[in-house]
């Protein structure tokens, strides 16, 4: 029974979208176009992506917010091209830096700052998308 339903589904799918032999016209279910448009819209308006950052500070307790802010400011003054982010997940303050698409990129940057931040490590995080490239 399942095999019959699957065959019917494939037949209906094949009939609902076909291309002419010359490749000039494509006739498809309007739902496909709606899904493609939705995909494009979501990609254009996503505020974050899955990526990697380098964590340079992690602490809780008295004065941890001040220490995190001091580390954040020091990093921003030293590395103008890289952005640092302060976050709080109870009870810890964290400072993470960079917006890297791959772990390899994050670990490469980590090597450049390891002398000043010996406890730094790469971690998966939501990152800001890179700016669009100009032609």
N, C-alpha and C. Protein backbone atom coordinates (compact mmCIF):
# COMPACT_ATOMS: atom_id res chain seq x y z
N UNK A 1 0.82 -1.19 0.00
CA UNK A 1 0.00 0.00 0.00
C UNK A 1 0.87 1.26 0.00
N UNK A 2 1.91 1.26 0.85
CA UNK A 2 2.78 2.42 0.91
C UNK A 2 3.49 2.64 -0.43
N UNK A 3 3.89 1.53 -1.04
CA UNK A 3 4.59 1.62 -2.33
C UNK A 3 3.66 2.23 -3.39
N UNK A 4 2.37 1.86 -3.37
CA UNK A 4 1.40 2.40 -4.31
C UNK A 4 1.21 3.90 -4.08
N UNK A 5 1.06 4.31 -2.82
CA UNK A 5 0.91 5.73 -2.51
C UNK A 5 2.15 6.52 -2.92
N UNK A 6 3.31 5.96 -2.69
CA UNK A 6 4.56 6.61 -3.08
C UNK A 6 4.62 6.77 -4.60
N UNK A 7 4.22 5.74 -5.35
CA UNK A 7 4.21 5.81 -6.81
C UNK A 7 3.23 6.87 -7.30
N UNK A 8 2.06 6.93 -6.69
CA UNK A 8 1.08 7.94 -7.07
C UNK A 8 1.61 9.33 -6.77
N UNK A 9 2.26 9.50 -5.63
CA UNK A 9 2.84 10.79 -5.26
C UNK A 9 3.87 11.22 -6.30
N UNK A 10 4.74 10.31 -6.70
CA UNK A 10 5.76 10.63 -7.70
C UNK A 10 5.13 10.97 -9.04
N UNK A 11 4.06 10.26 -9.42
CA UNK A 11 3.38 10.53 -10.67
C UNK A 11 2.75 11.93 -10.64
N UNK A 12 2.08 12.26 -9.55
CA UNK A 12 1.47 13.58 -9.41
C UNK A 12 2.54 14.66 -9.41
N UNK A 13 3.61 14.43 -8.72
CA UNK A 13 4.71 15.39 -8.68
C UNK A 13 5.30 15.58 -10.07
N UNK A 14 5.49 14.51 -10.77
CA UNK A 14 6.04 14.59 -12.12
C UNK A 14 5.12 15.31 -13.08
N UNK A 15 3.81 15.17 -12.89
CA UNK A 15 2.86 15.85 -13.76
C UNK A 15 2.70 17.31 -13.41
N UNK A 16 2.92 17.67 -12.17
CA UNK A 16 2.69 19.05 -11.76
C UNK A 16 3.85 19.97 -12.12
N UNK A 17 5.02 19.43 -12.38
CA UNK A 17 6.15 20.27 -12.77
C UNK A 17 6.88 19.58 -13.90
N UNK A 18 6.94 20.25 -15.05
CA UNK A 18 7.67 19.66 -16.17
C UNK A 18 8.34 20.78 -16.95
N UNK A 19 9.33 20.43 -17.72
CA UNK A 19 10.04 21.41 -18.55
C UNK A 19 9.91 20.99 -20.00
N UNK A 20 9.86 21.97 -20.88
CA UNK A 20 9.83 21.65 -22.29
C UNK A 20 11.20 21.15 -22.71
N UNK A 21 11.22 20.42 -23.79
CA UNK A 21 12.47 19.84 -24.28
C UNK A 21 13.47 20.94 -24.59
N UNK A 22 13.04 22.05 -25.16
CA UNK A 22 13.96 23.14 -25.53
C UNK A 22 14.47 23.87 -24.30
N UNK A 23 13.88 23.68 -23.15
CA UNK A 23 14.32 24.32 -21.92
C UNK A 23 13.91 25.77 -21.81
N UNK A 24 12.92 26.19 -22.61
CA UNK A 24 12.52 27.58 -22.62
C UNK A 24 11.54 27.91 -21.50
N UNK A 25 10.61 27.03 -21.24
CA UNK A 25 9.59 27.30 -20.23
C UNK A 25 9.62 26.21 -19.17
N UNK A 26 9.41 26.64 -17.95
CA UNK A 26 9.26 25.70 -16.86
C UNK A 26 7.91 25.98 -16.21
N UNK A 27 7.09 24.96 -16.15
CA UNK A 27 5.78 25.09 -15.53
C UNK A 27 5.87 24.33 -14.21
N UNK A 28 5.57 25.03 -13.12
CA UNK A 28 5.70 24.41 -11.81
C UNK A 28 4.54 24.82 -10.93
N UNK A 29 4.35 24.07 -9.90
CA UNK A 29 3.34 24.37 -8.91
C UNK A 29 3.68 25.73 -8.27
N UNK A 30 2.72 26.64 -8.14
CA UNK A 30 2.98 27.95 -7.53
C UNK A 30 3.54 27.85 -6.11
N UNK A 31 3.26 26.76 -5.44
CA UNK A 31 3.78 26.55 -4.07
C UNK A 31 5.30 26.52 -4.07
N UNK A 32 5.91 25.97 -5.13
CA UNK A 32 7.37 25.93 -5.21
C UNK A 32 7.93 27.34 -5.25
N UNK A 33 7.33 28.21 -6.07
CA UNK A 33 7.79 29.60 -6.14
C UNK A 33 7.64 30.30 -4.79
N UNK A 34 6.53 30.03 -4.11
CA UNK A 34 6.32 30.65 -2.80
C UNK A 34 7.39 30.21 -1.81
N UNK A 35 7.75 28.93 -1.83
CA UNK A 35 8.79 28.44 -0.93
C UNK A 35 10.16 29.04 -1.26
N UNK A 36 10.47 29.18 -2.53
CA UNK A 36 11.74 29.79 -2.94
C UNK A 36 11.78 31.25 -2.48
N UNK A 37 10.69 31.99 -2.68
CA UNK A 37 10.63 33.39 -2.24
C UNK A 37 10.78 33.50 -0.73
N UNK A 38 10.17 32.59 0.01
CA UNK A 38 10.29 32.59 1.47
C UNK A 38 11.73 32.32 1.88
N UNK A 39 12.38 31.38 1.21
CA UNK A 39 13.79 31.07 1.50
C UNK A 39 14.67 32.30 1.25
N UNK A 40 14.47 32.98 0.14
CA UNK A 40 15.24 34.18 -0.18
C UNK A 40 15.00 35.25 0.88
N UNK A 41 13.74 35.47 1.25
CA UNK A 41 13.41 36.48 2.25
C UNK A 41 14.09 36.19 3.59
N UNK A 42 14.03 34.94 4.03
CA UNK A 42 14.64 34.59 5.31
C UNK A 42 16.15 34.78 5.27
N UNK A 43 16.78 34.42 4.18
CA UNK A 43 18.23 34.61 4.06
C UNK A 43 18.61 36.08 4.09
N UNK A 44 17.79 36.94 3.50
CA UNK A 44 18.09 38.36 3.47
C UNK A 44 17.85 39.04 4.81
N UNK A 45 16.97 38.48 5.62
CA UNK A 45 16.59 39.14 6.87
C UNK A 45 17.04 38.40 8.13
N UNK A 46 17.89 37.42 7.97
CA UNK A 46 18.39 36.71 9.15
C UNK A 46 19.32 37.63 9.93
N UNK A 47 19.15 37.67 11.22
CA UNK A 47 20.01 38.54 12.02
C UNK A 47 21.25 37.81 12.51
N UNK A 48 21.22 36.50 12.57
CA UNK A 48 22.40 35.74 13.01
C UNK A 48 22.56 34.47 12.19
N UNK A 49 23.75 33.94 12.24
CA UNK A 49 24.09 32.68 11.57
C UNK A 49 24.78 31.77 12.57
N UNK A 50 24.79 30.49 12.29
CA UNK A 50 25.61 29.59 13.08
C UNK A 50 27.06 29.80 12.68
N UNK A 51 27.92 29.94 13.66
CA UNK A 51 29.33 30.17 13.38
C UNK A 51 30.18 29.93 14.62
N UNK A 52 31.30 30.65 14.69
CA UNK A 52 32.27 30.44 15.77
C UNK A 52 32.77 31.78 16.29
N UNK A 53 33.07 31.78 17.57
CA UNK A 53 33.73 32.92 18.23
C UNK A 53 34.83 32.37 19.12
N UNK A 54 35.68 33.28 19.58
CA UNK A 54 36.74 32.91 20.52
C UNK A 54 36.38 33.52 21.86
N UNK A 55 36.27 32.68 22.87
CA UNK A 55 35.94 33.16 24.21
C UNK A 55 37.23 33.52 24.93
N UNK A 56 37.30 34.77 25.42
CA UNK A 56 38.52 35.23 26.10
C UNK A 56 38.30 35.50 27.59
N UNK A 57 37.04 35.47 28.04
CA UNK A 57 36.76 35.73 29.46
C UNK A 57 35.49 34.99 29.85
N UNK A 58 35.51 34.47 31.10
CA UNK A 58 34.38 33.73 31.65
C UNK A 58 34.51 33.79 33.15
N UNK A 59 33.56 34.44 33.84
CA UNK A 59 33.69 34.58 35.29
C UNK A 59 32.33 34.88 35.91
N UNK A 60 32.22 34.62 37.19
CA UNK A 60 31.02 34.95 37.94
C UNK A 60 31.45 35.51 39.28
N UNK A 61 30.50 36.02 40.02
CA UNK A 61 30.79 36.51 41.35
C UNK A 61 30.95 38.02 41.40
N UNK A 62 31.45 38.47 42.54
CA UNK A 62 31.61 39.90 42.77
C UNK A 62 32.56 40.50 41.74
N UNK A 63 32.17 41.64 41.22
CA UNK A 63 32.96 42.41 40.26
C UNK A 63 33.19 41.71 38.93
N UNK A 64 32.51 40.61 38.65
CA UNK A 64 32.73 39.92 37.38
C UNK A 64 32.26 40.76 36.20
N UNK A 65 31.20 41.53 36.38
CA UNK A 65 30.72 42.39 35.29
C UNK A 65 31.76 43.46 34.96
N UNK A 66 32.35 44.05 35.99
CA UNK A 66 33.37 45.08 35.76
C UNK A 66 34.59 44.48 35.09
N UNK A 67 35.03 43.30 35.53
CA UNK A 67 36.18 42.65 34.90
C UNK A 67 35.89 42.31 33.45
N UNK A 68 34.68 41.83 33.18
CA UNK A 68 34.30 41.50 31.80
C UNK A 68 34.30 42.75 30.92
N UNK A 69 33.76 43.85 31.44
CA UNK A 69 33.74 45.10 30.70
C UNK A 69 35.15 45.62 30.45
N UNK A 70 36.02 45.49 31.43
CA UNK A 70 37.41 45.91 31.26
C UNK A 70 38.11 45.09 30.17
N UNK A 71 37.90 43.78 30.17
CA UNK A 71 38.48 42.90 29.15
C UNK A 71 37.93 43.28 27.77
N UNK A 72 36.63 43.50 27.70
CA UNK A 72 35.98 43.88 26.45
C UNK A 72 36.60 45.16 25.89
N UNK A 73 36.72 46.19 26.72
CA UNK A 73 37.29 47.46 26.27
C UNK A 73 38.75 47.32 25.87
N UNK A 74 39.52 46.57 26.65
CA UNK A 74 40.94 46.36 26.32
C UNK A 74 41.07 45.66 24.97
N UNK A 75 40.25 44.63 24.75
CA UNK A 75 40.31 43.91 23.48
C UNK A 75 39.94 44.84 22.32
N UNK A 76 38.85 45.60 22.48
CA UNK A 76 38.41 46.50 21.40
C UNK A 76 39.47 47.54 21.07
N UNK A 77 40.23 47.98 22.06
CA UNK A 77 41.30 48.95 21.80
C UNK A 77 42.50 48.30 21.11
N UNK A 78 42.78 47.03 21.41
CA UNK A 78 43.91 46.33 20.82
C UNK A 78 43.62 45.82 19.42
N UNK A 79 42.42 45.32 19.19
CA UNK A 79 42.06 44.68 17.93
C UNK A 79 40.85 45.42 17.32
N UNK A 80 41.14 46.49 16.64
CA UNK A 80 40.09 47.36 16.11
C UNK A 80 39.26 46.66 15.04
N UNK A 81 39.87 45.75 14.28
CA UNK A 81 39.17 45.08 13.18
C UNK A 81 38.27 43.94 13.65
N UNK A 82 38.40 43.51 14.89
CA UNK A 82 37.57 42.42 15.43
C UNK A 82 36.63 42.97 16.48
N UNK A 83 35.43 42.44 16.50
CA UNK A 83 34.42 42.90 17.45
C UNK A 83 34.35 41.95 18.63
N UNK A 84 34.21 42.53 19.82
CA UNK A 84 34.05 41.75 21.05
C UNK A 84 32.61 41.89 21.54
N UNK A 85 32.10 40.82 22.14
CA UNK A 85 30.71 40.79 22.61
C UNK A 85 30.67 40.36 24.08
N UNK A 86 29.94 41.11 24.88
CA UNK A 86 29.74 40.79 26.29
C UNK A 86 28.37 40.14 26.42
N UNK A 87 28.32 39.00 27.10
CA UNK A 87 27.03 38.34 27.33
C UNK A 87 26.97 37.86 28.78
N UNK A 88 25.75 37.66 29.24
CA UNK A 88 25.52 37.19 30.60
C UNK A 88 24.54 36.03 30.54
N UNK A 89 24.97 34.88 31.02
CA UNK A 89 24.10 33.73 31.22
C UNK A 89 24.30 33.33 32.66
N UNK A 90 23.28 33.56 33.44
CA UNK A 90 23.37 33.42 34.89
C UNK A 90 24.10 32.15 35.30
N UNK A 91 25.09 32.26 36.13
CA UNK A 91 25.63 33.44 36.80
C UNK A 91 26.93 33.97 36.16
N UNK A 92 27.18 33.66 34.90
CA UNK A 92 28.47 33.96 34.29
C UNK A 92 28.42 35.11 33.28
N UNK A 93 29.45 35.95 33.33
CA UNK A 93 29.70 36.94 32.29
C UNK A 93 30.74 36.34 31.36
N UNK A 94 30.51 36.54 30.05
CA UNK A 94 31.44 36.02 29.05
C UNK A 94 31.80 37.13 28.08
N UNK A 95 33.04 37.09 27.61
CA UNK A 95 33.45 37.95 26.51
C UNK A 95 33.91 37.04 25.39
N UNK A 96 33.24 37.17 24.26
CA UNK A 96 33.59 36.40 23.07
C UNK A 96 33.91 37.36 21.95
N UNK A 97 34.82 36.97 21.09
CA UNK A 97 35.28 37.88 20.04
C UNK A 97 35.18 37.23 18.67
N UNK A 98 34.95 38.08 17.66
CA UNK A 98 34.96 37.64 16.28
C UNK A 98 33.63 37.12 15.80
N UNK A 99 33.53 37.02 14.49
CA UNK A 99 32.38 36.44 13.79
C UNK A 99 32.96 35.54 12.70
N UNK A 100 33.25 34.30 13.06
CA UNK A 100 33.92 33.37 12.15
C UNK A 100 32.93 32.34 11.63
N UNK A 101 33.00 32.05 10.34
CA UNK A 101 32.11 31.07 9.73
C UNK A 101 32.54 29.64 10.05
N UNK A 102 33.85 29.42 10.24
CA UNK A 102 34.34 28.06 10.49
C UNK A 102 35.18 28.02 11.75
N UNK A 103 35.29 26.83 12.29
CA UNK A 103 36.13 26.63 13.47
C UNK A 103 37.60 26.91 13.14
N UNK A 104 38.01 26.56 11.94
CA UNK A 104 39.38 26.78 11.51
C UNK A 104 39.73 28.27 11.54
N UNK A 105 38.83 29.12 11.07
CA UNK A 105 39.06 30.57 11.12
C UNK A 105 39.18 31.05 12.56
N UNK A 106 38.30 30.57 13.43
CA UNK A 106 38.31 30.97 14.84
C UNK A 106 39.61 30.55 15.51
N UNK A 107 40.04 29.32 15.26
CA UNK A 107 41.28 28.83 15.88
C UNK A 107 42.50 29.55 15.33
N UNK A 108 42.46 29.95 14.06
CA UNK A 108 43.55 30.74 13.50
C UNK A 108 43.68 32.08 14.19
N UNK A 109 42.54 32.75 14.42
CA UNK A 109 42.57 34.02 15.14
C UNK A 109 42.99 33.81 16.58
N UNK A 110 42.53 32.72 17.17
CA UNK A 110 42.87 32.42 18.56
C UNK A 110 44.39 32.35 18.74
N UNK A 111 45.09 31.79 17.75
CA UNK A 111 46.55 31.69 17.82
C UNK A 111 47.21 33.07 17.89
N UNK A 112 46.60 34.05 17.23
CA UNK A 112 47.19 35.40 17.23
C UNK A 112 47.01 36.12 18.56
N UNK A 113 45.99 35.74 19.34
CA UNK A 113 45.75 36.43 20.61
C UNK A 113 46.12 35.58 21.83
N UNK A 114 46.61 34.37 21.60
CA UNK A 114 46.87 33.42 22.69
C UNK A 114 47.87 33.96 23.72
N UNK A 115 48.85 34.74 23.30
CA UNK A 115 49.84 35.27 24.24
C UNK A 115 49.19 36.21 25.26
N UNK A 116 48.24 37.02 24.80
CA UNK A 116 47.57 37.97 25.70
C UNK A 116 46.38 37.35 26.43
N UNK A 117 45.78 36.34 25.82
CA UNK A 117 44.61 35.68 26.39
C UNK A 117 44.88 34.17 26.39
N UNK A 118 45.70 33.69 27.33
CA UNK A 118 46.13 32.29 27.30
C UNK A 118 45.00 31.27 27.50
N UNK A 119 43.90 31.67 28.09
CA UNK A 119 42.80 30.73 28.33
C UNK A 119 41.74 30.78 27.23
N UNK A 120 42.02 31.47 26.13
CA UNK A 120 41.06 31.61 25.04
C UNK A 120 40.81 30.27 24.38
N UNK A 121 39.57 30.08 23.91
CA UNK A 121 39.23 28.87 23.17
C UNK A 121 38.11 29.17 22.18
N UNK A 122 38.07 28.41 21.10
CA UNK A 122 37.04 28.57 20.07
C UNK A 122 35.77 27.88 20.55
N UNK A 123 34.64 28.51 20.28
CA UNK A 123 33.35 27.95 20.68
C UNK A 123 32.28 28.27 19.64
N UNK A 124 31.39 27.34 19.43
CA UNK A 124 30.27 27.56 18.50
C UNK A 124 29.34 28.62 19.10
N UNK A 125 28.83 29.50 18.23
CA UNK A 125 27.97 30.58 18.69
C UNK A 125 27.15 31.10 17.52
N UNK A 126 26.18 31.91 17.82
CA UNK A 126 25.46 32.64 16.78
C UNK A 126 26.30 33.87 16.45
N UNK A 127 26.54 34.10 15.16
CA UNK A 127 27.38 35.23 14.75
C UNK A 127 26.59 36.18 13.87
N UNK A 128 27.12 37.38 13.72
CA UNK A 128 26.53 38.35 12.80
C UNK A 128 26.98 37.99 11.40
N UNK A 129 26.08 38.08 10.43
CA UNK A 129 26.48 37.74 9.07
C UNK A 129 27.51 38.74 8.55
N UNK A 130 28.41 38.28 7.67
CA UNK A 130 29.37 39.21 7.11
C UNK A 130 28.68 40.22 6.20
N UNK A 131 29.28 41.41 6.05
CA UNK A 131 28.65 42.39 5.16
C UNK A 131 28.68 41.89 3.72
N UNK A 132 27.73 42.29 2.91
CA UNK A 132 27.73 41.82 1.52
C UNK A 132 28.96 42.33 0.79
N UNK A 133 29.48 41.50 -0.10
CA UNK A 133 30.66 41.88 -0.86
C UNK A 133 30.26 42.86 -1.95
N UNK A 134 31.13 43.84 -2.17
CA UNK A 134 30.88 44.83 -3.21
C UNK A 134 31.61 44.42 -4.47
N UNK A 135 30.95 44.60 -5.60
CA UNK A 135 31.57 44.21 -6.87
C UNK A 135 32.51 45.28 -7.38
